[in-house]
Amino acid sequence: MFPTIHRFMEGLLSPRTSLRTLSEARFAQDGTGALLLERTTLFAEAQCTLGDRRLRLFCPLSPLAHRLAETTAQRLKYHPAEFLLPWRMLREEFTYTDATGTQRTCDLVAQELPAEGEPLATAVGHADRDRLLSALDTLQRQLAQAGLTHNNLKAANLWMTPDYRLLPLRYAYMRFDGGDDAPQFDALRAFVAEKASVAQMMCDTSAEYSAPCTAFRNHLWVGHMFEQMICVEDAEGYGYVDTQNRYLIAPQYRWANDFHEGRAEVQTADGRMGLIDKTGRYVLEPHYEIVEYDDRTGRLLARFDGRWAAFDYEGRQLTEFGAVEP
């Protein structure tokens, strides 16, 4: 069981009772004094200060989000590169009450931000273009030498320090087996060279991510378009609409991921996960604790009673449970 973004927001309004180690943190607010929250498919996010430290706090919204965060935290222990910011799990950090009135705890993720600087998305408007392009070259070399691929390398996911170092943010989708990040860097170079706007980058973690656009005001939350489908949240749960805001898959899930290569992980009301296609048909029935789909290979892993098995793109089981490890 994981909290909704609404439970997370309620908890941050009273950190002394809801947070274990960050009870004295001060959370960022907008001009009206309202708590500043952002949301991606995987996490609810908030920024805070604790003494002289600046932190980005991530609340996982599903078992998959928690699994990716935890795996990343473990693997980053072996990559102490100077261009990587601390990413650590805070065990049982958040206490909340679920819809049944039961008190629960949830792990959170904390990423420490540099004392100075700003996201590339805002820095590009006033920074020196050539120095930024050089900084991108440096970061690409650093990632390649460390055998890392960020996999979500966009302008709002890069922090620029005053001395023109670029530091990646948001590591949940980071891959540790290498990969081709050249297209991402090409897009970033084009962005910097043209001094394009954040909107042109379609960054999925910009400040307006959690605010529905004018044509989609009837939803609690609106994601971005992937494969002509947009994940939305309504009172009935998560579902998908097209670019004209017409339902393609009715809202019904406790949580749903974006579509990639025709597949999306979903979580049902009972907390079980499965995999659907673009018609809403279950490719993998929702019987599992975690379903993790790799769109690069078409292979997926599912966990049942703590043991993992592999499945193919069509949901056919490839191994017995317990025969593979994630």
C-alpha atoms as a PDB file:
ATOM      1  CA  MET A   1       0.000   0.000   0.000  1.00  0.00           C
ATOM      2  CA  PHE A   2       1.360   3.418  -0.987  1.00  0.00           C
ATOM      3  CA  PRO A   3      -0.020   6.897  -0.242  1.00  0.00           C
ATOM      4  CA  THR A   4      -1.748   8.996  -2.852  1.00  0.00           C
ATOM      5  CA  ILE A   5      -0.410  12.426  -3.694  1.00  0.00           C
ATOM      6  CA  HIS A   6      -3.257  13.894  -1.654  1.00  0.00           C
ATOM      7  CA  ARG A   7      -2.204  11.938   1.475  1.00  0.00           C
ATOM      8  CA  PHE A   8       1.381  13.022   0.879  1.00  0.00           C
ATOM      9  CA  MET A   9       0.346  16.667   0.678  1.00  0.00           C
ATOM     10  CA  GLU A  10      -1.693  16.396   3.877  1.00  0.00           C
ATOM     11  CA  GLY A  11       1.265  14.870   5.669  1.00  0.00           C
ATOM     12  CA  LEU A  12       3.717  17.560   4.601  1.00  0.00           C
ATOM     13  CA  LEU A  13       1.434  20.211   6.056  1.00  0.00           C
ATOM     14  CA  SER A  14       2.202  18.748   9.492  1.00  0.00           C
ATOM     15  CA  PRO A  15       5.757  17.373   9.184  1.00  0.00           C
ATOM     16  CA  ARG A  16       6.319  17.086  12.931  1.00  0.00           C
ATOM     17  CA  THR A  17       3.720  14.333  13.143  1.00  0.00           C
ATOM     18  CA  SER A  18       4.096  12.740   9.708  1.00  0.00           C
ATOM     19  CA  LEU A  19       7.885  12.676   9.139  1.00  0.00           C
ATOM     20  CA  ARG A  20      10.456  10.788  11.203  1.00  0.00           C
ATOM     21  CA  THR A  21      13.857  12.364  10.431  1.00  0.00           C
ATOM     22  CA  LEU A  22      12.690  15.432   8.491  1.00  0.00           C
ATOM     23  CA  SER A  23      10.175  16.651  11.055  1.00  0.00           C
ATOM     24  CA  GLU A  24      11.879  20.065  11.234  1.00  0.00           C
ATOM     25  CA  ALA A  25      12.109  20.543   7.471  1.00  0.00           C
ATOM     26  CA  ARG A  26      10.604  23.610   5.825  1.00  0.00           C
ATOM     27  CA  PHE A  27       8.818  22.865   2.570  1.00  0.00           C
ATOM     28  CA  ALA A  28       8.721  25.172  -0.444  1.00  0.00           C
ATOM     29  CA  GLN A  29       5.565  27.194  -1.003  1.00  0.00           C
ATOM     30  CA  ASP A  30       4.197  29.271  -3.834  1.00  0.00           C
ATOM     31  CA  GLY A  31       3.354  32.979  -3.670  1.00  0.00           C
ATOM     32  CA  THR A  32       0.032  32.284  -1.922  1.00  0.00           C
ATOM     33  CA  GLY A  33       1.582  30.132   0.781  1.00  0.00           C
ATOM     34  CA  ALA A  34       0.340  26.853  -0.713  1.00  0.00           C
ATOM     35  CA  LEU A  35       2.608  23.828  -0.612  1.00  0.00           C
ATOM     36  CA  LEU A  36       4.552  23.308  -3.849  1.00  0.00           C
ATOM     37  CA  LEU A  37       4.151  19.739  -5.084  1.00  0.00           C
ATOM     38  CA  GLU A  38       5.137  18.222  -8.391  1.00  0.00           C
ATOM     39  CA  ARG A  39       4.133  14.908  -9.773  1.00  0.00           C
ATOM     40  CA  THR A  40       5.439  12.422 -12.278  1.00  0.00           C
ATOM     41  CA  THR A  41       4.016   9.037 -13.099  1.00  0.00           C
ATOM     42  CA  LEU A  42       6.217   7.436 -10.446  1.00  0.00           C
ATOM     43  CA  PHE A  43       6.492   9.958  -7.614  1.00  0.00           C
ATOM     44  CA  ALA A  44       5.012  12.888  -5.794  1.00  0.00           C
ATOM     45  CA  GLU A  45       7.808  15.391  -5.168  1.00  0.00           C
ATOM     46  CA  ALA A  46       8.445  18.268  -2.790  1.00  0.00           C
ATOM     47  CA  GLN A  47      11.455  20.448  -2.073  1.00  0.00           C
ATOM     48  CA  CYS A  48      12.533  21.405   1.424  1.00  0.00           C
ATOM     49  CA  THR A  49      15.336  22.872   3.499  1.00  0.00           C
ATOM     50  CA  LEU A  50      16.694  21.308   6.670  1.00  0.00           C
ATOM     51  CA  GLY A  51      19.178  23.632   8.315  1.00  0.00           C
ATOM     52  CA  ASP A  52      21.529  24.620   5.489  1.00  0.00           C
ATOM     53  CA  ARG A  53      20.692  21.577   3.345  1.00  0.00           C
ATOM     54  CA  ARG A  54      18.394  21.614   0.332  1.00  0.00           C
ATOM     55  CA  LEU A  55      16.567  18.359  -0.353  1.00  0.00           C
ATOM     56  CA  ARG A  56      14.262  16.965  -3.000  1.00  0.00           C
ATOM     57  CA  LEU A  57      11.833  14.499  -1.422  1.00  0.00           C
ATOM     58  CA  PHE A  58      10.211  11.720  -3.481  1.00  0.00           C
ATOM     59  CA  CYS A  59       7.158   9.748  -2.401  1.00  0.00           C
ATOM     60  CA  PRO A  60       6.642   6.545  -4.461  1.00  0.00           C
ATOM     61  CA  LEU A  61       3.106   6.132  -5.750  1.00  0.00           C
ATOM     62  CA  SER A  62       3.298   2.418  -6.590  1.00  0.00           C
ATOM     63  CA  PRO A  63       5.271  -0.756  -5.845  1.00  0.00           C
ATOM     64  CA  LEU A  64       7.155  -0.286  -9.121  1.00  0.00           C
ATOM     65  CA  ALA A  65       8.201   3.249  -8.163  1.00  0.00           C
ATOM     66  CA  HIS A  66       9.455   2.010  -4.801  1.00  0.00           C
ATOM     67  CA  ARG A  67      11.298  -0.880  -6.435  1.00  0.00           C
ATOM     68  CA  LEU A  68      13.084   1.423  -8.906  1.00  0.00           C
ATOM     69  CA  ALA A  69      13.997   3.905  -6.176  1.00  0.00           C
ATOM     70  CA  GLU A  70      15.371   1.203  -3.892  1.00  0.00           C
ATOM     71  CA  THR A  71      17.357  -0.509  -6.650  1.00  0.00           C
ATOM     72  CA  THR A  72      18.848   2.810  -7.681  1.00  0.00           C
ATOM     73  CA  ALA A  73      19.844   3.663  -4.111  1.00  0.00           C
ATOM     74  CA  GLN A  74      21.604   0.314  -3.709  1.00  0.00           C
ATOM     75  CA  ARG A  75      23.482   0.492  -6.995  1.00  0.00           C
ATOM     76  CA  LEU A  76      24.581   4.094  -6.579  1.00  0.00           C
ATOM     77  CA  LYS A  77      26.603   3.013  -3.546  1.00  0.00           C
ATOM     78  CA  TYR A  78      29.085   1.604  -6.044  1.00  0.00           C
ATOM     79  CA  HIS A  79      29.166   4.749  -8.202  1.00  0.00           C
ATOM     80  CA  PRO A  80      30.601   7.504  -5.981  1.00  0.00           C
ATOM     81  CA  ALA A  81      31.106   9.823  -8.949  1.00  0.00           C
ATOM     82  CA  GLU A  82      31.408  13.520  -8.202  1.00  0.00           C
ATOM     83  CA  PHE A  83      28.689  14.354 -10.739  1.00  0.00           C
ATOM     84  CA  LEU A  84      26.104  12.195  -8.906  1.00  0.00           C
ATOM     85  CA  LEU A  85      24.097  13.748  -6.092  1.00  0.00           C
ATOM     86  CA  PRO A  86      23.183  11.690  -3.004  1.00  0.00           C
ATOM     87  CA  TRP A  87      20.058   9.541  -3.547  1.00  0.00           C
ATOM     88  CA  ARG A  88      19.082   7.614  -0.452  1.00  0.00           C
ATOM     89  CA  MET A  89      16.099   5.774   0.961  1.00  0.00           C
ATOM     90  CA  LEU A  90      14.574   7.074   4.189  1.00  0.00           C
ATOM     91  CA  ARG A  91      13.044   3.977   5.759  1.00  0.00           C
ATOM     92  CA  GLU A  92       9.528   4.339   7.188  1.00  0.00           C
ATOM     93  CA  GLU A  93       9.962   8.101   6.962  1.00  0.00           C
ATOM     94  CA  PHE A  94       6.359   9.015   6.199  1.00  0.00           C
ATOM     95  CA  THR A  95       3.390   8.135   8.433  1.00  0.00           C
ATOM     96  CA  TYR A  96      -0.089   8.495   6.984  1.00  0.00           C
ATOM     97  CA  THR A  97      -3.629   7.196   7.324  1.00  0.00           C
ATOM     98  CA  ASP A  98      -5.037   5.280   4.363  1.00  0.00           C
ATOM     99  CA  ALA A  99      -8.605   5.282   3.039  1.00  0.00           C
ATOM    100  CA  THR A 100      -9.654   2.608   5.550  1.00  0.00           C
ATOM    101  CA  GLY A 101      -8.438   4.620   8.522  1.00  0.00           C
ATOM    102  CA  THR A 102      -5.392   2.408   9.061  1.00  0.00           C
ATOM    103  CA  GLN A 103      -2.137   4.117   9.998  1.00  0.00           C
ATOM    104  CA  ARG A 104       0.733   3.132   7.714  1.00  0.00           C
ATOM    105  CA  THR A 105       4.338   4.071   7.008  1.00  0.00           C
ATOM    106  CA  CYS A 106       6.098   4.532   3.692  1.00  0.00           C
ATOM    107  CA  ASP A 107       9.730   4.826   2.627  1.00  0.00           C
ATOM    108  CA  LEU A 108      10.681   8.110   0.972  1.00  0.00           C
ATOM    109  CA  VAL A 109      13.664   9.056  -1.182  1.00  0.00           C
ATOM    110  CA  ALA A 110      15.808  12.121  -0.498  1.00  0.00           C
ATOM    111  CA  GLN A 111      18.119  13.701  -3.048  1.00  0.00           C
ATOM    112  CA  GLU A 112      20.396  16.459  -1.816  1.00  0.00           C
ATOM    113  CA  LEU A 113      20.632  19.512  -4.050  1.00  0.00           C
ATOM    114  CA  PRO A 114      23.688  21.786  -4.388  1.00  0.00           C
ATOM    115  CA  ALA A 115      23.683  24.887  -2.246  1.00  0.00           C
ATOM    116  CA  GLU A 116      23.815  27.102  -5.341  1.00  0.00           C
ATOM    117  CA  GLY A 117      22.566  26.917  -8.885  1.00  0.00           C
ATOM    118  CA  GLU A 118      19.330  26.179 -10.723  1.00  0.00           C
ATOM    119  CA  PRO A 119      17.841  23.711 -13.219  1.00  0.00           C
ATOM    120  CA  LEU A 120      19.140  23.945 -16.766  1.00  0.00           C
ATOM    121  CA  ALA A 121      15.576  24.621 -17.880  1.00  0.00           C
ATOM    122  CA  THR A 122      15.714  28.070 -16.264  1.00  0.00           C
ATOM    123  CA  ALA A 123      19.462  28.694 -16.529  1.00  0.00           C
ATOM    124  CA  VAL A 124      19.493  28.401 -20.317  1.00  0.00           C
ATOM    125  CA  GLY A 125      17.777  31.752 -20.685  1.00  0.00           C
ATOM    126  CA  HIS A 126      20.702  33.708 -19.262  1.00  0.00           C
ATOM    127  CA  ALA A 127      23.745  31.368 -19.235  1.00  0.00           C
ATOM    128  CA  ASP A 128      26.612  31.385 -21.737  1.00  0.00           C
ATOM    129  CA  ARG A 129      25.732  29.076 -24.602  1.00  0.00           C
ATOM    130  CA  ASP A 130      29.229  27.831 -25.388  1.00  0.00           C
ATOM    131  CA  ARG A 131      29.987  27.029 -21.760  1.00  0.00           C
ATOM    132  CA  LEU A 132      26.739  25.102 -21.492  1.00  0.00           C
ATOM    133  CA  LEU A 133      27.526  23.086 -24.614  1.00  0.00           C
ATOM    134  CA  SER A 134      30.951  22.295 -23.201  1.00  0.00           C
ATOM    135  CA  ALA A 135      29.348  21.233 -19.911  1.00  0.00           C
ATOM    136  CA  LEU A 136      27.059  18.832 -21.799  1.00  0.00           C
ATOM    137  CA  ASP A 137      30.093  17.294 -23.511  1.00  0.00           C
ATOM    138  CA  THR A 138      31.734  16.808 -20.115  1.00  0.00           C
ATOM    139  CA  LEU A 139      28.671  15.192 -18.585  1.00  0.00           C
ATOM    140  CA  GLN A 140      28.261  12.814 -21.524  1.00  0.00           C
ATOM    141  CA  ARG A 141      31.849  11.655 -21.075  1.00  0.00           C
ATOM    142  CA  GLN A 142      31.380  11.241 -17.333  1.00  0.00           C
ATOM    143  CA  LEU A 143      28.276   9.087 -17.728  1.00  0.00           C
ATOM    144  CA  ALA A 144      29.942   6.947 -20.384  1.00  0.00           C
ATOM    145  CA  GLN A 145      33.030   6.403 -18.239  1.00  0.00           C
ATOM    146  CA  ALA A 146      30.845   5.350 -15.293  1.00  0.00           C
ATOM    147  CA  GLY A 147      28.747   3.027 -17.479  1.00  0.00           C
ATOM    148  CA  LEU A 148      25.538   4.897 -16.620  1.00  0.00           C
ATOM    149  CA  THR A 149      22.566   6.040 -18.672  1.00  0.00           C
ATOM    150  CA  HIS A 150      20.167   8.470 -17.026  1.00  0.00           C
ATOM    151  CA  ASN A 151      17.284   7.576 -19.378  1.00  0.00           C
ATOM    152  CA  ASN A 152      15.349  10.762 -18.600  1.00  0.00           C
ATOM    153  CA  LEU A 153      17.940  13.410 -19.335  1.00  0.00           C
ATOM    154  CA  LYS A 154      15.940  16.563 -19.927  1.00  0.00           C
ATOM    155  CA  ALA A 155      16.469  20.207 -19.099  1.00  0.00           C
ATOM    156  CA  ALA A 156      14.584  20.173 -15.799  1.00  0.00           C
ATOM    157  CA  ASN A 157      16.490  17.050 -14.734  1.00  0.00           C
ATOM    158  CA  LEU A 158      19.879  18.772 -14.932  1.00  0.00           C
ATOM    159  CA  TRP A 159      21.171  21.155 -12.255  1.00  0.00           C
ATOM    160  CA  MET A 160      23.626  23.838 -13.348  1.00  0.00           C
ATOM    161  CA  THR A 161      26.041  25.168 -10.730  1.00  0.00           C
ATOM    162  CA  PRO A 162      27.484  28.700 -10.932  1.00  0.00           C
ATOM    163  CA  ASP A 163      30.769  27.259 -12.275  1.00  0.00           C
ATOM    164  CA  TYR A 164      28.916  25.529 -15.138  1.00  0.00           C
ATOM    165  CA  ARG A 165      28.896  21.971 -13.889  1.00  0.00           C
ATOM    166  CA  LEU A 166      25.836  19.955 -14.894  1.00  0.00           C
ATOM    167  CA  LEU A 167      24.546  17.474 -12.310  1.00  0.00           C
ATOM    168  CA  PRO A 168      21.736  15.023 -13.145  1.00  0.00           C
ATOM    169  CA  LEU A 169      18.631  14.914 -10.945  1.00  0.00           C
ATOM    170  CA  ARG A 170      15.917  12.260 -10.492  1.00  0.00           C
ATOM    171  CA  TYR A 171      17.613   8.894 -10.748  1.00  0.00           C
ATOM    172  CA  ALA A 172      14.747   6.378 -10.603  1.00  0.00           C
ATOM    173  CA  TYR A 173      15.050   5.432 -14.265  1.00  0.00           C
ATOM    174  CA  MET A 174      18.849   5.346 -14.320  1.00  0.00           C
ATOM    175  CA  ARG A 175      20.372   2.279 -16.004  1.00  0.00           C
ATOM    176  CA  PHE A 176      23.610   0.717 -14.844  1.00  0.00           C
ATOM    177  CA  ASP A 177      24.296  -1.515 -17.840  1.00  0.00           C
ATOM    178  CA  GLY A 178      25.243   1.267 -20.237  1.00  0.00           C
ATOM    179  CA  GLY A 179      23.085   2.372 -23.146  1.00  0.00           C
ATOM    180  CA  ASP A 180      22.822   4.903 -25.910  1.00  0.00           C
ATOM    181  CA  ASP A 181      22.166   8.345 -24.474  1.00  0.00           C
ATOM    182  CA  ALA A 182      23.368  10.190 -27.602  1.00  0.00           C
ATOM    183  CA  PRO A 183      19.802  11.144 -28.701  1.00  0.00           C
ATOM    184  CA  GLN A 184      19.149  12.733 -25.310  1.00  0.00           C
ATOM    185  CA  PHE A 185      22.329  14.775 -25.469  1.00  0.00           C
ATOM    186  CA  ASP A 186      21.628  15.783 -29.073  1.00  0.00           C
ATOM    187  CA  ALA A 187      18.225  17.091 -27.982  1.00  0.00           C
ATOM    188  CA  LEU A 188      19.793  18.981 -25.079  1.00  0.00           C
ATOM    189  CA  ARG A 189      22.422  20.551 -27.340  1.00  0.00           C
ATOM    190  CA  ALA A 190      19.708  21.690 -29.725  1.00  0.00           C
ATOM    191  CA  PHE A 191      17.768  23.096 -26.787  1.00  0.00           C
ATOM    192  CA  VAL A 192      20.773  25.035 -25.511  1.00  0.00           C
ATOM    193  CA  ALA A 193      21.835  26.222 -28.973  1.00  0.00           C
ATOM    194  CA  GLU A 194      18.403  27.616 -29.725  1.00  0.00           C
ATOM    195  CA  LYS A 195      17.690  28.800 -26.166  1.00  0.00           C
ATOM    196  CA  ALA A 196      14.376  27.003 -26.486  1.00  0.00           C
ATOM    197  CA  SER A 197      11.651  27.207 -23.874  1.00  0.00           C
ATOM    198  CA  VAL A 198      10.912  24.525 -21.302  1.00  0.00           C
ATOM    199  CA  ALA A 199       7.610  23.835 -23.021  1.00  0.00           C
ATOM    200  CA  GLN A 200       9.396  22.916 -26.270  1.00  0.00           C
ATOM    201  CA  MET A 201      11.310  20.245 -24.360  1.00  0.00           C
ATOM    202  CA  MET A 202       8.059  18.681 -23.101  1.00  0.00           C
ATOM    203  CA  CYS A 203       9.787  18.015 -19.805  1.00  0.00           C
ATOM    204  CA  ASP A 204       7.734  15.640 -17.663  1.00  0.00           C
ATOM    205  CA  THR A 205       8.854  17.188 -14.399  1.00  0.00           C
ATOM    206  CA  SER A 206       8.375  20.894 -15.021  1.00  0.00           C
ATOM    207  CA  ALA A 207       6.505  22.936 -12.460  1.00  0.00           C
ATOM    208  CA  GLU A 208       3.316  22.840 -14.488  1.00  0.00           C
ATOM    209  CA  TYR A 209       3.359  19.050 -14.710  1.00  0.00           C
ATOM    210  CA  SER A 210       0.788  18.695 -11.946  1.00  0.00           C
ATOM    211  CA  ALA A 211      -1.490  21.389 -13.352  1.00  0.00           C
ATOM    212  CA  PRO A 212      -3.955  20.218 -16.014  1.00  0.00           C
ATOM    213  CA  CYS A 213      -3.878  22.183 -19.244  1.00  0.00           C
ATOM    214  CA  THR A 214      -6.942  24.206 -20.187  1.00  0.00           C
ATOM    215  CA  ALA A 215      -8.522  21.431 -22.256  1.00  0.00           C
ATOM    216  CA  PHE A 216      -8.129  18.867 -19.467  1.00  0.00           C
ATOM    217  CA  ARG A 217      -9.528  20.672 -16.438  1.00  0.00           C
ATOM    218  CA  ASN A 218     -11.919  17.829 -15.609  1.00  0.00           C
ATOM    219  CA  HIS A 219      -9.137  15.624 -14.224  1.00  0.00           C
ATOM    220  CA  LEU A 220      -7.325  15.599 -10.893  1.00  0.00           C
ATOM    221  CA  TRP A 221      -4.012  15.096 -12.667  1.00  0.00           C
ATOM    222  CA  VAL A 222      -2.836  14.937 -16.281  1.00  0.00           C
ATOM    223  CA  GLY A 223       0.365  13.369 -17.555  1.00  0.00           C
ATOM    224  CA  HIS A 224       2.065  13.931 -20.890  1.00  0.00           C
ATOM    225  CA  MET A 225       1.424  12.164 -24.142  1.00  0.00           C
ATOM    226  CA  PHE A 226       3.109   8.840 -24.824  1.00  0.00           C
ATOM    227  CA  GLU A 227       2.161   6.923 -27.971  1.00  0.00           C
ATOM    228  CA  GLN A 228      -0.875   9.170 -28.498  1.00  0.00           C
ATOM    229  CA  MET A 229      -2.229   8.296 -25.036  1.00  0.00           C
ATOM    230  CA  ILE A 230      -2.281  10.477 -21.930  1.00  0.00           C
ATOM    231  CA  CYS A 231      -2.471   9.045 -18.435  1.00  0.00           C
ATOM    232  CA  VAL A 232      -4.971  10.912 -16.219  1.00  0.00           C
ATOM    233  CA  GLU A 233      -6.294  10.570 -12.705  1.00  0.00           C
ATOM    234  CA  ASP A 234      -9.956  11.033 -11.821  1.00  0.00           C
ATOM    235  CA  ALA A 235     -11.975  10.344  -8.693  1.00  0.00           C
ATOM    236  CA  GLU A 236     -12.527   6.791  -9.980  1.00  0.00           C
ATOM    237  CA  GLY A 237      -8.802   6.183 -10.444  1.00  0.00           C
ATOM    238  CA  TYR A 238      -6.243   6.307 -13.246  1.00  0.00           C
ATOM    239  CA  GLY A 239      -7.128   5.881 -16.916  1.00  0.00           C
ATOM    240  CA  TYR A 240      -6.113   7.114 -20.368  1.00  0.00           C
ATOM    241  CA  VAL A 241      -7.439   9.700 -22.794  1.00  0.00           C
ATOM    242  CA  ASP A 242      -6.489  10.760 -26.312  1.00  0.00           C
ATOM    243  CA  THR A 243      -5.322  14.219 -27.373  1.00  0.00           C
ATOM    244  CA  GLN A 244      -8.957  15.364 -27.604  1.00  0.00           C
ATOM    245  CA  ASN A 245      -9.569  14.328 -23.978  1.00  0.00           C
ATOM    246  CA  ARG A 246     -11.730  11.379 -24.992  1.00  0.00           C
ATOM    247  CA  TYR A 247     -11.435   8.283 -22.844  1.00  0.00           C
ATOM    248  CA  LEU A 248      -9.536   5.419 -24.420  1.00  0.00           C
ATOM    249  CA  ILE A 249      -9.343   3.368 -21.221  1.00  0.00           C
ATOM    250  CA  ALA A 250     -11.790   4.330 -18.469  1.00  0.00           C
ATOM    251  CA  PRO A 251     -10.393   5.447 -15.098  1.00  0.00           C
ATOM    252  CA  GLN A 252     -10.278   2.344 -12.909  1.00  0.00           C
ATOM    253  CA  TYR A 253      -6.748   1.740 -11.625  1.00  0.00           C
ATOM    254  CA  ARG A 254      -5.185   2.668  -8.303  1.00  0.00           C
ATOM    255  CA  TRP A 255      -2.046   3.606 -10.268  1.00  0.00           C
ATOM    256  CA  ALA A 256      -0.996   3.451 -13.921  1.00  0.00           C
ATOM    257  CA  ASN A 257       2.259   4.039 -15.777  1.00  0.00           C
ATOM    258  CA  ASP A 258       2.737   5.691 -19.181  1.00  0.00           C
ATOM    259  CA  PHE A 259       2.649   3.557 -22.313  1.00  0.00           C
ATOM    260  CA  HIS A 260       5.931   2.439 -23.866  1.00  0.00           C
ATOM    261  CA  GLU A 261       6.021   0.174 -26.900  1.00  0.00           C
ATOM    262  CA  GLY A 262       2.333  -0.586 -26.482  1.00  0.00           C
ATOM    263  CA  ARG A 263       2.485  -1.697 -22.850  1.00  0.00           C
ATOM    264  CA  ALA A 264       1.843  -0.068 -19.468  1.00  0.00           C
ATOM    265  CA  GLU A 265       2.055  -1.351 -15.899  1.00  0.00           C
ATOM    266  CA  VAL A 266      -1.103  -0.829 -13.816  1.00  0.00           C
ATOM    267  CA  GLN A 267      -2.153  -1.475 -10.243  1.00  0.00           C
ATOM    268  CA  THR A 268      -5.711  -2.511  -9.352  1.00  0.00           C
ATOM    269  CA  ALA A 269      -7.775  -1.537  -6.315  1.00  0.00           C
ATOM    270  CA  ASP A 270      -6.556  -4.560  -4.346  1.00  0.00           C
ATOM    271  CA  GLY A 271      -2.940  -3.472  -4.769  1.00  0.00           C
ATOM    272  CA  ARG A 272      -1.987  -6.124  -7.348  1.00  0.00           C
ATOM    273  CA  MET A 273      -0.148  -5.232 -10.541  1.00  0.00           C
ATOM    274  CA  GLY A 274      -0.503  -6.334 -14.150  1.00  0.00           C
ATOM    275  CA  LEU A 275       0.387  -5.226 -17.673  1.00  0.00           C
ATOM    276  CA  ILE A 276      -2.104  -3.903 -20.238  1.00  0.00           C
ATOM    277  CA  ASP A 277      -2.028  -3.137 -23.948  1.00  0.00           C
ATOM    278  CA  LYS A 278      -3.460   0.002 -25.578  1.00  0.00           C
ATOM    279  CA  THR A 279      -6.989  -1.428 -25.655  1.00  0.00           C
ATOM    280  CA  GLY A 280      -6.947  -2.044 -21.900  1.00  0.00           C
ATOM    281  CA  ARG A 281      -6.621  -5.808 -22.322  1.00  0.00           C
ATOM    282  CA  TYR A 282      -4.472  -7.521 -19.729  1.00  0.00           C
ATOM    283  CA  VAL A 283      -1.349  -8.943 -21.314  1.00  0.00           C
ATOM    284  CA  LEU A 284      -0.404 -10.050 -17.813  1.00  0.00           C
ATOM    285  CA  GLU A 285      -3.274 -10.470 -15.369  1.00  0.00           C
ATOM    286  CA  PRO A 286      -3.094  -8.350 -12.183  1.00  0.00           C
ATOM    287  CA  HIS A 287      -2.017 -11.088  -9.774  1.00  0.00           C
ATOM    288  CA  TYR A 288       1.435  -9.792  -8.847  1.00  0.00           C
ATOM    289  CA  GLU A 289       3.099  -7.692  -6.173  1.00  0.00           C
ATOM    290  CA  ILE A 290       5.285  -5.898  -8.728  1.00  0.00           C
ATOM    291  CA  VAL A 291       5.377  -5.932 -12.519  1.00  0.00           C
ATOM    292  CA  GLU A 292       8.411  -4.347 -14.159  1.00  0.00           C
ATOM    293  CA  TYR A 293       8.414  -3.981 -17.966  1.00  0.00           C
ATOM    294  CA  ASP A 294      11.551  -3.237 -20.001  1.00  0.00           C
ATOM    295  CA  ASP A 295      10.486  -1.547 -23.233  1.00  0.00           C
ATOM    296  CA  ARG A 296      13.983  -1.951 -24.714  1.00  0.00           C
ATOM    297  CA  THR A 297      13.773  -5.739 -24.715  1.00  0.00           C
ATOM    298  CA  GLY A 298      10.045  -6.437 -24.451  1.00  0.00           C
ATOM    299  CA  ARG A 299      10.789  -8.587 -21.410  1.00  0.00           C
ATOM    300  CA  LEU A 300       9.044  -8.197 -18.095  1.00  0.00           C
ATOM    301  CA  LEU A 301       9.557  -9.412 -14.559  1.00  0.00           C
ATOM    302  CA  ALA A 302       6.776 -10.142 -12.083  1.00  0.00           C
ATOM    303  CA  ARG A 303       7.030 -10.819  -8.360  1.00  0.00           C
ATOM    304  CA  PHE A 304       4.684 -13.193  -6.527  1.00  0.00           C
ATOM    305  CA  ASP A 305       5.146 -14.146  -2.869  1.00  0.00           C
ATOM    306  CA  GLY A 306       8.553 -12.497  -2.972  1.00  0.00           C
ATOM    307  CA  ARG A 307       9.836 -14.569  -5.909  1.00  0.00           C
ATOM    308  CA  TRP A 308      10.426 -13.338  -9.455  1.00  0.00           C
ATOM    309  CA  ALA A 309       9.677 -14.858 -12.852  1.00  0.00           C
ATOM    310  CA  ALA A 310      10.285 -13.587 -16.385  1.00  0.00           C
ATOM    311  CA  PHE A 311       7.624 -13.151 -19.087  1.00  0.00           C
ATOM    312  CA  ASP A 312       7.781 -12.127 -22.740  1.00  0.00           C
ATOM    313  CA  TYR A 313       6.062  -9.244 -24.538  1.00  0.00           C
ATOM    314  CA  GLU A 314       2.869 -11.285 -24.963  1.00  0.00           C
ATOM    315  CA  GLY A 315       2.737 -12.237 -21.295  1.00  0.00           C
ATOM    316  CA  ARG A 316       3.983 -15.789 -21.774  1.00  0.00           C
ATOM    317  CA  GLN A 317       5.904 -17.107 -18.787  1.00  0.00           C
ATOM    318  CA  LEU A 318       9.563 -17.815 -19.543  1.00  0.00           C
ATOM    319  CA  THR A 319      10.853 -19.014 -16.159  1.00  0.00           C
ATOM    320  CA  GLU A 320       9.544 -20.508 -12.949  1.00  0.00           C
ATOM    321  CA  PHE A 321       9.092 -18.197  -9.969  1.00  0.00           C
ATOM    322  CA  GLY A 322      12.323 -18.030  -8.037  1.00  0.00           C
ATOM    323  CA  ALA A 323      14.445 -18.810 -11.089  1.00  0.00           C
ATOM    324  CA  VAL A 324      15.409 -15.174 -11.783  1.00  0.00           C
ATOM    325  CA  GLU A 325      16.429 -12.152  -9.761  1.00  0.00           C
ATOM    326  CA  PRO A 326      15.632  -8.579 -10.799  1.00  0.00           C
END
